PDB file of N, CA and C in Angstrom:
ATOM      1  N   MET A   1      99.483  34.415  52.393  1.00  0.00           N
ATOM      2  CA  MET A   1      98.638  35.451  51.843  1.00  0.00           C
ATOM      3  C   MET A   1      97.191  35.102  52.152  1.00  0.00           C
ATOM      4  N   ALA A   2      96.500  36.007  52.824  1.00  0.00           N
ATOM      5  CA  ALA A   2      95.103  35.779  53.149  1.00  0.00           C
ATOM      6  C   ALA A   2      94.237  36.106  51.939  1.00  0.00           C
ATOM      7  N   MET A   3      93.191  35.318  51.767  1.00  0.00           N
ATOM      8  CA  MET A   3      92.308  35.537  50.622  1.00  0.00           C
ATOM      9  C   MET A   3      91.378  36.696  50.941  1.00  0.00           C
ATOM     10  N   ASP A   4      91.395  37.691  50.089  1.00  0.00           N
ATOM     11  CA  ASP A   4      90.545  38.863  50.202  1.00  0.00           C
ATOM     12  C   ASP A   4      89.586  38.822  49.019  1.00  0.00           C
ATOM     13  N   ALA A   5      88.288  38.868  49.289  1.00  0.00           N
ATOM     14  CA  ALA A   5      87.291  38.732  48.213  1.00  0.00           C
ATOM     15  C   ALA A   5      87.434  39.825  47.161  1.00  0.00           C
ATOM     16  N   THR A   6      87.783  41.031  47.583  1.00  0.00           N
ATOM     17  CA  THR A   6      87.939  42.124  46.624  1.00  0.00           C
ATOM     18  C   THR A   6      89.117  41.872  45.702  1.00  0.00           C
ATOM     19  N   THR A   7      90.224  41.424  46.273  1.00  0.00           N
ATOM     20  CA  THR A   7      91.407  41.138  45.462  1.00  0.00           C
ATOM     21  C   THR A   7      91.152  39.944  44.550  1.00  0.00           C
ATOM     22  N   LEU A   8      90.444  38.934  45.031  1.00  0.00           N
ATOM     23  CA  LEU A   8      90.107  37.778  44.202  1.00  0.00           C
ATOM     24  C   LEU A   8      89.221  38.192  43.035  1.00  0.00           C
ATOM     25  N   LEU A   9      88.213  39.031  43.293  1.00  0.00           N
ATOM     26  CA  LEU A   9      87.342  39.506  42.209  1.00  0.00           C
ATOM     27  C   LEU A   9      88.158  40.315  41.201  1.00  0.00           C
ATOM     28  N   GLY A  10      89.069  41.142  41.692  1.00  0.00           N
ATOM     29  CA  GLY A  10      89.937  41.897  40.794  1.00  0.00           C
ATOM     30  C   GLY A  10      90.787  40.983  39.932  1.00  0.00           C
ATOM     31  N   SER A  11      91.264  39.890  40.515  1.00  0.00           N
ATOM     32  CA  SER A  11      92.051  38.917  39.754  1.00  0.00           C
ATOM     33  C   SER A  11      91.197  38.277  38.665  1.00  0.00           C
ATOM     34  N   GLN A  12      89.956  37.938  38.998  1.00  0.00           N
ATOM     35  CA  GLN A  12      89.075  37.305  38.018  1.00  0.00           C
ATOM     36  C   GLN A  12      88.743  38.253  36.874  1.00  0.00           C
ATOM     37  N   VAL A  13      88.400  39.493  37.195  1.00  0.00           N
ATOM     38  CA  VAL A  13      88.055  40.458  36.146  1.00  0.00           C
ATOM     39  C   VAL A  13      89.279  40.780  35.304  1.00  0.00           C
ATOM     40  N   GLY A  14      90.436  40.938  35.956  1.00  0.00           N
ATOM     41  CA  GLY A  14      91.669  41.210  35.216  1.00  0.00           C
ATOM     42  C   GLY A  14      92.039  40.069  34.287  1.00  0.00           C
ATOM     43  N   ALA A  15      91.922  38.845  34.767  1.00  0.00           N
ATOM     44  CA  ALA A  15      92.220  37.686  33.927  1.00  0.00           C
ATOM     45  C   ALA A  15      91.231  37.588  32.768  1.00  0.00           C
ATOM     46  N   ALA A  16      89.970  37.887  33.025  1.00  0.00           N
ATOM     47  CA  ALA A  16      88.958  37.864  31.958  1.00  0.00           C
ATOM     48  C   ALA A  16      89.281  38.896  30.890  1.00  0.00           C
ATOM     49  N   ALA A  17      89.676  40.082  31.323  1.00  0.00           N
ATOM     50  CA  ALA A  17      90.031  41.126  30.357  1.00  0.00           C
ATOM     51  C   ALA A  17      91.256  40.715  29.543  1.00  0.00           C
ATOM     52  N   ALA A  18      92.276  40.177  30.220  1.00  0.00           N
ATOM     53  CA  ALA A  18      93.491  39.760  29.509  1.00  0.00           C
ATOM     54  C   ALA A  18      93.181  38.658  28.492  1.00  0.00           C
ATOM     55  N   CYS A  19      92.393  37.672  28.885  1.00  0.00           N
ATOM     56  CA  CYS A  19      92.049  36.584  27.961  1.00  0.00           C
ATOM     57  C   CYS A  19      91.205  37.094  26.795  1.00  0.00           C
ATOM     58  N   SER A  20      90.307  38.028  27.060  1.00  0.00           N
ATOM     59  CA  SER A  20      89.484  38.586  25.986  1.00  0.00           C
ATOM     60  C   SER A  20      90.333  39.363  24.991  1.00  0.00           C
ATOM     61  N   TYR A  21      91.302  40.117  25.488  1.00  0.00           N
ATOM     62  CA  TYR A  21      92.190  40.848  24.588  1.00  0.00           C
ATOM     63  C   TYR A  21      93.073  39.889  23.791  1.00  0.00           C
ATOM     64  N   ILE A  22      93.511  38.803  24.413  1.00  0.00           N
ATOM     65  CA  ILE A  22      94.305  37.800  23.688  1.00  0.00           C
ATOM     66  C   ILE A  22      93.476  37.204  22.555  1.00  0.00           C
ATOM     67  N   LEU A  23      92.210  36.853  22.845  1.00  0.00           N
ATOM     68  CA  LEU A  23      91.337  36.304  21.808  1.00  0.00           C
ATOM     69  C   LEU A  23      91.085  37.334  20.715  1.00  0.00           C
ATOM     70  N   ASN A  24      90.891  38.597  21.108  1.00  0.00           N
ATOM     71  CA  ASN A  24      90.666  39.655  20.129  1.00  0.00           C
ATOM     72  C   ASN A  24      91.880  39.831  19.222  1.00  0.00           C
ATOM     73  N   LEU A  25      93.074  39.774  19.784  1.00  0.00           N
ATOM     74  CA  LEU A  25      94.292  39.867  18.973  1.00  0.00           C
ATOM     75  C   LEU A  25      94.398  38.672  18.019  1.00  0.00           C
ATOM     76  N   ALA A  26      94.036  37.491  18.519  1.00  0.00           N
ATOM     77  CA  ALA A  26      94.072  36.299  17.663  1.00  0.00           C
ATOM     78  C   ALA A  26      93.091  36.420  16.510  1.00  0.00           C
ATOM     79  N   GLN A  27      91.926  37.010  16.768  1.00  0.00           N
ATOM     80  CA  GLN A  27      90.926  37.184  15.722  1.00  0.00           C
ATOM     81  C   GLN A  27      91.410  38.124  14.622  1.00  0.00           C
ATOM     82  N   ARG A  28      92.227  39.105  14.985  1.00  0.00           N
ATOM     83  CA  ARG A  28      92.704  40.080  14.004  1.00  0.00           C
ATOM     84  C   ARG A  28      94.038  39.682  13.371  1.00  0.00           C
ATOM     85  N   ALA A  29      94.659  38.607  13.863  1.00  0.00           N
ATOM     86  CA  ALA A  29      95.966  38.198  13.355  1.00  0.00           C
ATOM     87  C   ALA A  29      95.824  37.544  11.978  1.00  0.00           C
ATOM     88  N   LYS A  30      96.660  37.952  11.075  1.00  0.00           N
ATOM     89  CA  LYS A  30      96.660  37.376   9.721  1.00  0.00           C
ATOM     90  C   LYS A  30      97.160  35.927   9.746  1.00  0.00           C
ATOM     91  N   ALA A  31      97.948  35.573  10.753  1.00  0.00           N
ATOM     92  CA  ALA A  31      98.498  34.219  10.856  1.00  0.00           C
ATOM     93  C   ALA A  31      97.446  33.192  11.285  1.00  0.00           C
ATOM     94  N   LEU A  32      96.305  33.663  11.786  1.00  0.00           N
ATOM     95  CA  LEU A  32      95.243  32.756  12.242  1.00  0.00           C
ATOM     96  C   LEU A  32      93.953  33.027  11.464  1.00  0.00           C
ATOM     97  N   PRO A  33      93.910  32.692  10.179  1.00  0.00           N
ATOM     98  CA  PRO A  33      92.726  33.020   9.376  1.00  0.00           C
ATOM     99  C   PRO A  33      91.481  32.226   9.774  1.00  0.00           C
ATOM    100  N   TRP A  34      91.633  31.155  10.517  1.00  0.00           N
ATOM    101  CA  TRP A  34      90.503  30.308  10.883  1.00  0.00           C
ATOM    102  C   TRP A  34      89.769  30.804  12.130  1.00  0.00           C
ATOM    103  N   ILE A  35      90.293  31.845  12.790  1.00  0.00           N
ATOM    104  CA  ILE A  35      89.598  32.406  13.950  1.00  0.00           C
ATOM    105  C   ILE A  35      89.355  33.892  13.696  1.00  0.00           C
ATOM    106  N   THR A  36      88.082  34.242  13.587  1.00  0.00           N
ATOM    107  CA  THR A  36      87.687  35.631  13.353  1.00  0.00           C
ATOM    108  C   THR A  36      86.532  35.963  14.292  1.00  0.00           C
ATOM    109  N   ALA A  37      86.064  37.193  14.210  1.00  0.00           N
ATOM    110  CA  ALA A  37      84.905  37.592  15.013  1.00  0.00           C
ATOM    111  C   ALA A  37      83.645  36.846  14.573  1.00  0.00           C
ATOM    112  N   HIS A  38      83.680  36.231  13.385  1.00  0.00           N
ATOM    113  CA  HIS A  38      82.510  35.545  12.837  1.00  0.00           C
ATOM    114  C   HIS A  38      82.508  34.041  13.105  1.00  0.00           C
ATOM    115  N   THR A  39      83.566  33.501  13.683  1.00  0.00           N
ATOM    116  CA  THR A  39      83.649  32.055  13.959  1.00  0.00           C
ATOM    117  C   THR A  39      83.176  31.802  15.395  1.00  0.00           C
ATOM    118  N   THR A  40      81.885  31.783  15.575  1.00  0.00           N
ATOM    119  CA  THR A  40      81.279  31.716  16.903  1.00  0.00           C
ATOM    120  C   THR A  40      81.697  30.477  17.682  1.00  0.00           C
ATOM    121  N   GLN A  41      81.648  29.311  17.070  1.00  0.00           N
ATOM    122  CA  GLN A  41      81.979  28.069  17.776  1.00  0.00           C
ATOM    123  C   GLN A  41      83.454  28.035  18.186  1.00  0.00           C
ATOM    124  N   ILE A  42      84.332  28.458  17.285  1.00  0.00           N
ATOM    125  CA  ILE A  42      85.766  28.477  17.605  1.00  0.00           C
ATOM    126  C   ILE A  42      86.037  29.468  18.732  1.00  0.00           C
ATOM    127  N   ASN A  43      85.372  30.620  18.688  1.00  0.00           N
ATOM    128  CA  ASN A  43      85.545  31.613  19.747  1.00  0.00           C
ATOM    129  C   ASN A  43      85.063  31.066  21.089  1.00  0.00           C
ATOM    130  N   MET A  44      83.964  30.322  21.076  1.00  0.00           N
ATOM    131  CA  MET A  44      83.437  29.741  22.314  1.00  0.00           C
ATOM    132  C   MET A  44      84.433  28.739  22.896  1.00  0.00           C
ATOM    133  N   VAL A  45      84.985  27.878  22.061  1.00  0.00           N
ATOM    134  CA  VAL A  45      85.977  26.902  22.531  1.00  0.00           C
ATOM    135  C   VAL A  45      87.215  27.628  23.062  1.00  0.00           C
ATOM    136  N   ALA A  46      87.647  28.673  22.360  1.00  0.00           N
ATOM    137  CA  ALA A  46      88.815  29.441  22.818  1.00  0.00           C
ATOM    138  C   ALA A  46      88.537  30.093  24.165  1.00  0.00           C
ATOM    139  N   ARG A  47      87.335  30.645  24.331  1.00  0.00           N
ATOM    140  CA  ARG A  47      86.984  31.260  25.625  1.00  0.00           C
ATOM    141  C   ARG A  47      86.944  30.212  26.741  1.00  0.00           C
ATOM    142  N   ILE A  48      86.427  29.036  26.452  1.00  0.00           N
ATOM    143  CA  ILE A  48      86.378  27.976  27.467  1.00  0.00           C
ATOM    144  C   ILE A  48      87.790  27.573  27.867  1.00  0.00           C
ATOM    145  N   LEU A  49      88.673  27.385  26.882  1.00  0.00           N
ATOM    146  CA  LEU A  49      90.050  26.995  27.189  1.00  0.00           C
ATOM    147  C   LEU A  49      90.793  28.101  27.931  1.00  0.00           C
ATOM    148  N   LEU A  50      90.666  29.325  27.470  1.00  0.00           N
ATOM    149  CA  LEU A  50      91.356  30.436  28.134  1.00  0.00           C
ATOM    150  C   LEU A  50      90.838  30.652  29.557  1.00  0.00           C
ATOM    151  N   SER A  51      89.529  30.498  29.763  1.00  0.00           N
ATOM    152  CA  SER A  51      88.989  30.671  31.117  1.00  0.00           C
ATOM    153  C   SER A  51      89.452  29.539  32.036  1.00  0.00           C
ATOM    154  N   GLY A  52      89.609  28.333  31.489  1.00  0.00           N
ATOM    155  CA  GLY A  52      90.149  27.231  32.291  1.00  0.00           C
ATOM    156  C   GLY A  52      91.581  27.494  32.713  1.00  0.00           C
ATOM    157  N   ILE A  53      92.386  28.006  31.793  1.00  0.00           N
ATOM    158  CA  ILE A  53      93.776  28.335  32.116  1.00  0.00           C
ATOM    159  C   ILE A  53      93.822  29.456  33.153  1.00  0.00           C
ATOM    160  N   ALA A  54      92.967  30.475  32.987  1.00  0.00           N
ATOM    161  CA  ALA A  54      92.928  31.578  33.948  1.00  0.00           C
ATOM    162  C   ALA A  54      92.483  31.091  35.321  1.00  0.00           C
ATOM    163  N   THR A  55      91.484  30.221  35.363  1.00  0.00           N
ATOM    164  CA  THR A  55      91.007  29.688  36.643  1.00  0.00           C
ATOM    165  C   THR A  55      92.107  28.908  37.342  1.00  0.00           C
ATOM    166  N   LEU A  56      92.824  28.090  36.591  1.00  0.00           N
ATOM    167  CA  LEU A  56      93.930  27.330  37.175  1.00  0.00           C
ATOM    168  C   LEU A  56      94.994  28.270  37.723  1.00  0.00           C
ATOM    169  N   GLY A  57      95.313  29.316  36.970  1.00  0.00           N
ATOM    170  CA  GLY A  57      96.318  30.274  37.425  1.00  0.00           C
ATOM    171  C   GLY A  57      95.891  31.017  38.674  1.00  0.00           C
ATOM    172  N   ILE A  58      94.618  31.451  38.716  1.00  0.00           N
ATOM    173  CA  ILE A  58      94.121  32.157  39.899  1.00  0.00           C
ATOM    174  C   ILE A  58      94.106  31.222  41.099  1.00  0.00           C
ATOM    175  N   SER A  59      93.700  29.978  40.904  1.00  0.00           N
ATOM    176  CA  SER A  59      93.679  29.007  42.003  1.00  0.00           C
ATOM    177  C   SER A  59      95.086  28.769  42.541  1.00  0.00           C
ATOM    178  N   TRP A  60      96.054  28.711  41.650  1.00  0.00           N
ATOM    179  CA  TRP A  60      97.429  28.473  42.046  1.00  0.00           C
ATOM    180  C   TRP A  60      97.946  29.637  42.893  1.00  0.00           C
ATOM    181  N   VAL A  61      97.618  30.857  42.511  1.00  0.00           N
ATOM    182  CA  VAL A  61      98.062  32.029  43.257  1.00  0.00           C
ATOM    183  C   VAL A  61      97.421  32.062  44.635  1.00  0.00           C
ATOM    184  N   TRP A  62      96.153  31.678  44.726  1.00  0.00           N
ATOM    185  CA  TRP A  62      95.457  31.749  45.999  1.00  0.00           C
ATOM    186  C   TRP A  62      95.714  30.537  46.893  1.00  0.00           C
ATOM    187  N   ALA A  63      96.492  29.569  46.417  1.00  0.00           N
ATOM    188  CA  ALA A  63      96.870  28.414  47.236  1.00  0.00           C
ATOM    189  C   ALA A  63      98.393  28.297  47.208  1.00  0.00           C
ATOM    190  N   PRO A  64      99.096  29.228  47.905  1.00  0.00           N
ATOM    191  CA  PRO A  64     100.560  29.238  47.832  1.00  0.00           C
ATOM    192  C   PRO A  64     101.192  28.000  48.460  1.00  0.00           C
ATOM    193  N   ALA A  65     102.450  27.761  48.081  1.00  0.00           N
ATOM    194  CA  ALA A  65     103.207  26.611  48.597  1.00  0.00           C
ATOM    195  C   ALA A  65     103.608  26.865  50.051  1.00  0.00           C
ATOM    196  N   ALA A  66     104.320  25.928  50.614  1.00  0.00           N
ATOM    197  CA  ALA A  66     104.763  26.013  52.008  1.00  0.00           C
ATOM    198  C   ALA A  66     105.555  27.301  52.239  1.00  0.00           C
ATOM    199  N   ALA A  67     105.436  27.842  53.452  1.00  0.00           N
ATOM    200  CA  ALA A  67     106.079  29.120  53.784  1.00  0.00           C
ATOM    201  C   ALA A  67     107.599  29.029  53.764  1.00  0.00           C
ATOM    202  N   ASP A  68     108.154  27.856  53.985  1.00  0.00           N
ATOM    203  CA  ASP A  68     109.615  27.736  54.036  1.00  0.00           C
ATOM    204  C   ASP A  68     110.249  27.619  52.652  1.00  0.00           C
ATOM    205  N   GLY A  69     109.439  27.621  51.598  1.00  0.00           N
ATOM    206  CA  GLY A  69     109.967  27.558  50.241  1.00  0.00           C
ATOM    207  C   GLY A  69     110.340  26.156  49.803  1.00  0.00           C
ATOM    208  N   GLY A  70     110.028  25.165  50.622  1.00  0.00           N
ATOM    209  CA  GLY A  70     110.339  23.790  50.269  1.00  0.00           C
ATOM    210  C   GLY A  70     109.446  23.284  49.150  1.00  0.00           C
ATOM    211  N   HIS A  71     109.780  22.155  48.626  1.00  0.00           N
ATOM    212  CA  HIS A  71     109.019  21.554  47.529  1.00  0.00           C
ATOM    213  C   HIS A  71     108.412  20.247  48.004  1.00  0.00           C
ATOM    214  N   THR A  72     107.126  20.103  47.749  1.00  0.00           N
ATOM    215  CA  THR A  72     106.421  18.893  48.134  1.00  0.00           C
ATOM    216  C   THR A  72     105.523  18.470  46.989  1.00  0.00           C
ATOM    217  N   LEU A  73     105.581  17.192  46.657  1.00  0.00           N
ATOM    218  CA  LEU A  73     104.678  16.656  45.646  1.00  0.00           C
ATOM    219  C   LEU A  73     103.596  15.871  46.362  1.00  0.00           C
ATOM    220  N   THR A  74     102.359  16.325  46.206  1.00  0.00           N
ATOM    221  CA  THR A  74     101.231  15.658  46.832  1.00  0.00           C
ATOM    222  C   THR A  74     100.250  15.267  45.734  1.00  0.00           C
ATOM    223  N   ILE A  75      99.893  14.022  45.702  1.00  0.00           N
ATOM    224  CA  ILE A  75      98.918  13.542  44.733  1.00  0.00           C
ATOM    225  C   ILE A  75      97.675  13.142  45.514  1.00  0.00           C
ATOM    226  N   THR A  76      96.572  13.819  45.207  1.00  0.00           N
ATOM    227  CA  THR A  76      95.324  13.521  45.901  1.00  0.00           C
ATOM    228  C   THR A  76      94.212  13.341  44.880  1.00  0.00           C
ATOM    229  N   ILE A  77      93.214  12.615  45.287  1.00  0.00           N
ATOM    230  CA  ILE A  77      92.007  12.481  44.472  1.00  0.00           C
ATOM    231  C   ILE A  77      91.009  13.461  45.069  1.00  0.00           C
ATOM    232  N   PRO A  78      90.601  14.469  44.292  1.00  0.00           N
ATOM    233  CA  PRO A  78      89.702  15.482  44.864  1.00  0.00           C
ATOM    234  C   PRO A  78      88.326  14.907  45.172  1.00  0.00           C
ATOM    235  N   SER A  79      87.706  15.492  46.180  1.00  0.00           N
ATOM    236  CA  SER A  79      86.348  15.081  46.537  1.00  0.00           C
ATOM    237  C   SER A  79      85.374  15.591  45.490  1.00  0.00           C
ATOM    238  N   LEU A  80      84.182  15.060  45.494  1.00  0.00           N
ATOM    239  CA  LEU A  80      83.151  15.501  44.556  1.00  0.00           C
ATOM    240  C   LEU A  80      82.863  16.983  44.764  1.00  0.00           C
ATOM    241  N   MET A  81      82.844  17.428  46.004  1.00  0.00           N
ATOM    242  CA  MET A  81      82.586  18.842  46.285  1.00  0.00           C
ATOM    243  C   MET A  81      83.700  19.723  45.720  1.00  0.00           C
ATOM    244  N   ALA A  82      84.939  19.279  45.812  1.00  0.00           N
ATOM    245  CA  ALA A  82      86.063  20.047  45.251  1.00  0.00           C
ATOM    246  C   ALA A  82      85.954  20.134  43.732  1.00  0.00           C
ATOM    247  N   ILE A  83      85.528  19.060  43.093  1.00  0.00           N
ATOM    248  CA  ILE A  83      85.344  19.065  41.638  1.00  0.00           C
ATOM    249  C   ILE A  83      84.215  20.010  41.249  1.00  0.00           C
ATOM    250  N   ILE A  84      83.100  19.953  41.977  1.00  0.00           N
ATOM    251  CA  ILE A  84      81.973  20.842  41.698  1.00  0.00           C
ATOM    252  C   ILE A  84      82.387  22.298  41.896  1.00  0.00           C
ATOM    253  N   LEU A  85      83.112  22.578  42.964  1.00  0.00           N
ATOM    254  CA  LEU A  85      83.570  23.937  43.226  1.00  0.00           C
ATOM    255  C   LEU A  85      84.527  24.413  42.126  1.00  0.00           C
ATOM    256  N   ALA A  86      85.415  23.544  41.679  1.00  0.00           N
ATOM    257  CA  ALA A  86      86.336  23.906  40.594  1.00  0.00           C
ATOM    258  C   ALA A  86      85.573  24.200  39.311  1.00  0.00           C
ATOM    259  N   LEU A  87      84.570  23.392  38.996  1.00  0.00           N
ATOM    260  CA  LEU A  87      83.750  23.642  37.808  1.00  0.00           C
ATOM    261  C   LEU A  87      82.985  24.958  37.926  1.00  0.00           C
ATOM    262  N   TRP A  88      82.513  25.264  39.132  1.00  0.00           N
ATOM    263  CA  TRP A  88      81.817  26.525  39.358  1.00  0.00           C
ATOM    264  C   TRP A  88      82.762  27.708  39.127  1.00  0.00           C
ATOM    265  N   HIS A  89      83.983  27.636  39.656  1.00  0.00           N
ATOM    266  CA  HIS A  89      84.952  28.712  39.454  1.00  0.00           C
ATOM    267  C   HIS A  89      85.291  28.859  37.973  1.00  0.00           C
ATOM    268  N   TRP A  90      85.411  27.750  37.279  1.00  0.00           N
ATOM    269  CA  TRP A  90      85.698  27.781  35.842  1.00  0.00           C
ATOM    270  C   TRP A  90      84.549  28.468  35.099  1.00  0.00           C
ATOM    271  N   PHE A  91      83.306  28.094  35.448  1.00  0.00           N
ATOM    272  CA  PHE A  91      82.149  28.727  34.817  1.00  0.00           C
ATOM    273  C   PHE A  91      82.126  30.228  35.093  1.00  0.00           C
ATOM    274  N   CYS A  92      82.395  30.640  36.334  1.00  0.00           N
ATOM    275  CA  CYS A  92      82.394  32.068  36.675  1.00  0.00           C
ATOM    276  C   CYS A  92      83.450  32.811  35.866  1.00  0.00           C
ATOM    277  N   GLN A  93      84.638  32.215  35.731  1.00  0.00           N
ATOM    278  CA  GLN A  93      85.688  32.859  34.951  1.00  0.00           C
ATOM    279  C   GLN A  93      85.275  32.950  33.477  1.00  0.00           C
ATOM    280  N   PHE A  94      84.662  31.901  32.947  1.00  0.00           N
ATOM    281  CA  PHE A  94      84.177  31.924  31.570  1.00  0.00           C
ATOM    282  C   PHE A  94      83.129  33.030  31.398  1.00  0.00           C
ATOM    283  N   ALA A  95      82.217  33.157  32.368  1.00  0.00           N
ATOM    284  CA  ALA A  95      81.172  34.182  32.280  1.00  0.00           C
ATOM    285  C   ALA A  95      81.787  35.583  32.267  1.00  0.00           C
ATOM    286  N   PHE A  96      82.743  35.838  33.165  1.00  0.00           N
ATOM    287  CA  PHE A  96      83.427  37.133  33.160  1.00  0.00           C
ATOM    288  C   PHE A  96      84.083  37.381  31.808  1.00  0.00           C
ATOM    289  N   GLN A  97      84.779  36.376  31.319  1.00  0.00           N
ATOM    290  CA  GLN A  97      85.503  36.514  30.055  1.00  0.00           C
ATOM    291  C   GLN A  97      84.535  36.723  28.890  1.00  0.00           C
ATOM    292  N   HIS A  98      83.416  36.038  28.906  1.00  0.00           N
ATOM    293  CA  HIS A  98      82.420  36.172  27.843  1.00  0.00           C
ATOM    294  C   HIS A  98      81.856  37.598  27.825  1.00  0.00           C
ATOM    295  N   ILE A  99      81.540  38.125  29.001  1.00  0.00           N
ATOM    296  CA  ILE A  99      80.997  39.481  29.094  1.00  0.00           C
ATOM    297  C   ILE A  99      82.015  40.499  28.600  1.00  0.00           C
ATOM    298  N   VAL A 100      83.252  40.379  29.052  1.00  0.00           N
ATOM    299  CA  VAL A 100      84.291  41.314  28.613  1.00  0.00           C
ATOM    300  C   VAL A 100      84.524  41.176  27.110  1.00  0.00           C
ATOM    301  N   GLY A 101      84.556  39.958  26.612  1.00  0.00           N
ATOM    302  CA  GLY A 101      84.773  39.736  25.178  1.00  0.00           C
ATOM    303  C   GLY A 101      83.661  40.307  24.323  1.00  0.00           C
ATOM    304  N   LYS A 102      82.415  40.097  24.734  1.00  0.00           N
ATOM    305  CA  LYS A 102      81.281  40.640  23.979  1.00  0.00           C
ATOM    306  C   LYS A 102      81.284  42.168  24.022  1.00  0.00           C
ATOM    307  N   THR A 103      81.649  42.740  25.161  1.00  0.00           N
ATOM    308  CA  THR A 103      81.746  44.197  25.263  1.00  0.00           C
ATOM    309  C   THR A 103      82.844  44.713  24.352  1.00  0.00           C
ATOM    310  N   LEU A 104      83.962  44.039  24.344  1.00  0.00           N
ATOM    311  CA  LEU A 104      85.072  44.435  23.477  1.00  0.00           C
ATOM    312  C   LEU A 104      84.669  44.327  22.012  1.00  0.00           C
ATOM    313  N   ASP A 105      83.973  43.261  21.652  1.00  0.00           N
ATOM    314  CA  ASP A 105      83.516  43.088  20.266  1.00  0.00           C
ATOM    315  C   ASP A 105      82.543  44.194  19.857  1.00  0.00           C
ATOM    316  N   SER A 106      81.673  44.599  20.770  1.00  0.00           N
ATOM    317  CA  SER A 106      80.659  45.595  20.420  1.00  0.00           C
ATOM    318  C   SER A 106      81.219  47.009  20.318  1.00  0.00           C
ATOM    319  N   THR A 107      82.389  47.249  20.892  1.00  0.00           N
ATOM    320  CA  THR A 107      82.965  48.592  20.836  1.00  0.00           C
ATOM    321  C   THR A 107      83.833  48.817  19.616  1.00  0.00           C
ATOM    322  N   GLN A 108      84.075  47.777  18.833  1.00  0.00           N
ATOM    323  CA  GLN A 108      84.916  47.901  17.653  1.00  0.00           C
ATOM    324  C   GLN A 108      84.064  47.899  16.399  1.00  0.00           C
ATOM    325  N   ALA A 109      84.593  48.525  15.361  1.00  0.00           N
ATOM    326  CA  ALA A 109      83.899  48.525  14.080  1.00  0.00           C
ATOM    327  C   ALA A 109      83.811  47.097  13.569  1.00  0.00           C
ATOM    328  N   PRO A 110      82.691  46.732  12.952  1.00  0.00           N
ATOM    329  CA  PRO A 110      82.572  45.358  12.444  1.00  0.00           C
ATOM    330  C   PRO A 110      83.610  45.085  11.362  1.00  0.00           C
ATOM    331  N   VAL A 111      84.140  43.890  11.410  1.00  0.00           N
ATOM    332  CA  VAL A 111      85.132  43.469  10.421  1.00  0.00           C
ATOM    333  C   VAL A 111      84.402  42.663   9.365  1.00  0.00           C
ATOM    334  N   MET A 112      84.456  43.138   8.158  1.00  0.00           N
ATOM    335  CA  MET A 112      83.783  42.452   7.073  1.00  0.00           C
ATOM    336  C   MET A 112      84.698  41.367   6.522  1.00  0.00           C
ATOM    337  N   PRO A 113      84.143  40.205   6.202  1.00  0.00           N
ATOM    338  CA  PRO A 113      84.977  39.159   5.594  1.00  0.00           C
ATOM    339  C   PRO A 113      85.446  39.619   4.217  1.00  0.00           C
ATOM    340  N   PRO A 114      86.580  39.126   3.766  1.00  0.00           N
ATOM    341  CA  PRO A 114      87.069  39.554   2.461  1.00  0.00           C
ATOM    342  C   PRO A 114      86.110  39.146   1.339  1.00  0.00           C
ATOM    343  N   ALA A 115      86.024  40.014   0.335  1.00  0.00           N
ATOM    344  CA  ALA A 115      85.153  39.731  -0.813  1.00  0.00           C
ATOM    345  C   ALA A 115      85.774  38.620  -1.649  1.00  0.00           C
ATOM    346  N   PRO A 116      84.953  37.762  -2.241  1.00  0.00           N
ATOM    347  CA  PRO A 116      85.504  36.702  -3.073  1.00  0.00           C
ATOM    348  C   PRO A 116      86.168  37.309  -4.328  1.00  0.00           C
ATOM    349  N   ALA A 117      87.213  36.656  -4.763  1.00  0.00           N
ATOM    350  CA  ALA A 117      87.937  37.126  -5.940  1.00  0.00           C
ATOM    351  C   ALA A 117      87.060  36.924  -7.180  1.00  0.00           C
ATOM    352  N   LEU A 118      87.055  37.931  -8.026  1.00  0.00           N
ATOM    353  CA  LEU A 118      86.281  37.838  -9.263  1.00  0.00           C
ATOM    354  C   LEU A 118      87.158  37.228 -10.341  1.00  0.00           C
ATOM    355  N   VAL A 119      86.625  36.261 -11.012  1.00  0.00           N
ATOM    356  CA  VAL A 119      87.361  35.587 -12.081  1.00  0.00           C
ATOM    357  C   VAL A 119      86.653  35.908 -13.397  1.00  0.00           C
ATOM    358  N   GLU A 120      87.399  36.491 -14.312  1.00  0.00           N
ATOM    359  CA  GLU A 120      86.812  36.814 -15.611  1.00  0.00           C
ATOM    360  C   GLU A 120      86.965  35.618 -16.534  1.00  0.00           C
ATOM    361  N   LYS A 121      85.931  35.408 -17.327  1.00  0.00           N
ATOM    362  CA  LYS A 121      85.979  34.272 -18.258  1.00  0.00           C
ATOM    363  C   LYS A 121      86.142  34.780 -19.658  1.00  0.00           C
TER     364      LYS A 121
END
């Protein structure tokens, strides 16, 4: 499969949208009370982790295995340039995801935190 810049950009934007929707669903899930639209630091960590997973997945798709379908295990130590390039791709995916997530957050009605329970004395 030849790398096409348009298809690669589509993969990045699509992955960013999917990860943003996953985070949005997690924020609204009753099973995850510790992650909401108001937990900025947790949301940032979640976006970083999700963008890393998306970057790894996109890289895997764009670097297919051998054409004959064989299996090969290769262990290499990446060059400094490969590490820098991987970090750059991760940052770009995070940026896409952050933009999509912020847009998604701004299009929804604000979610108010629950009111504290009143205790009568």
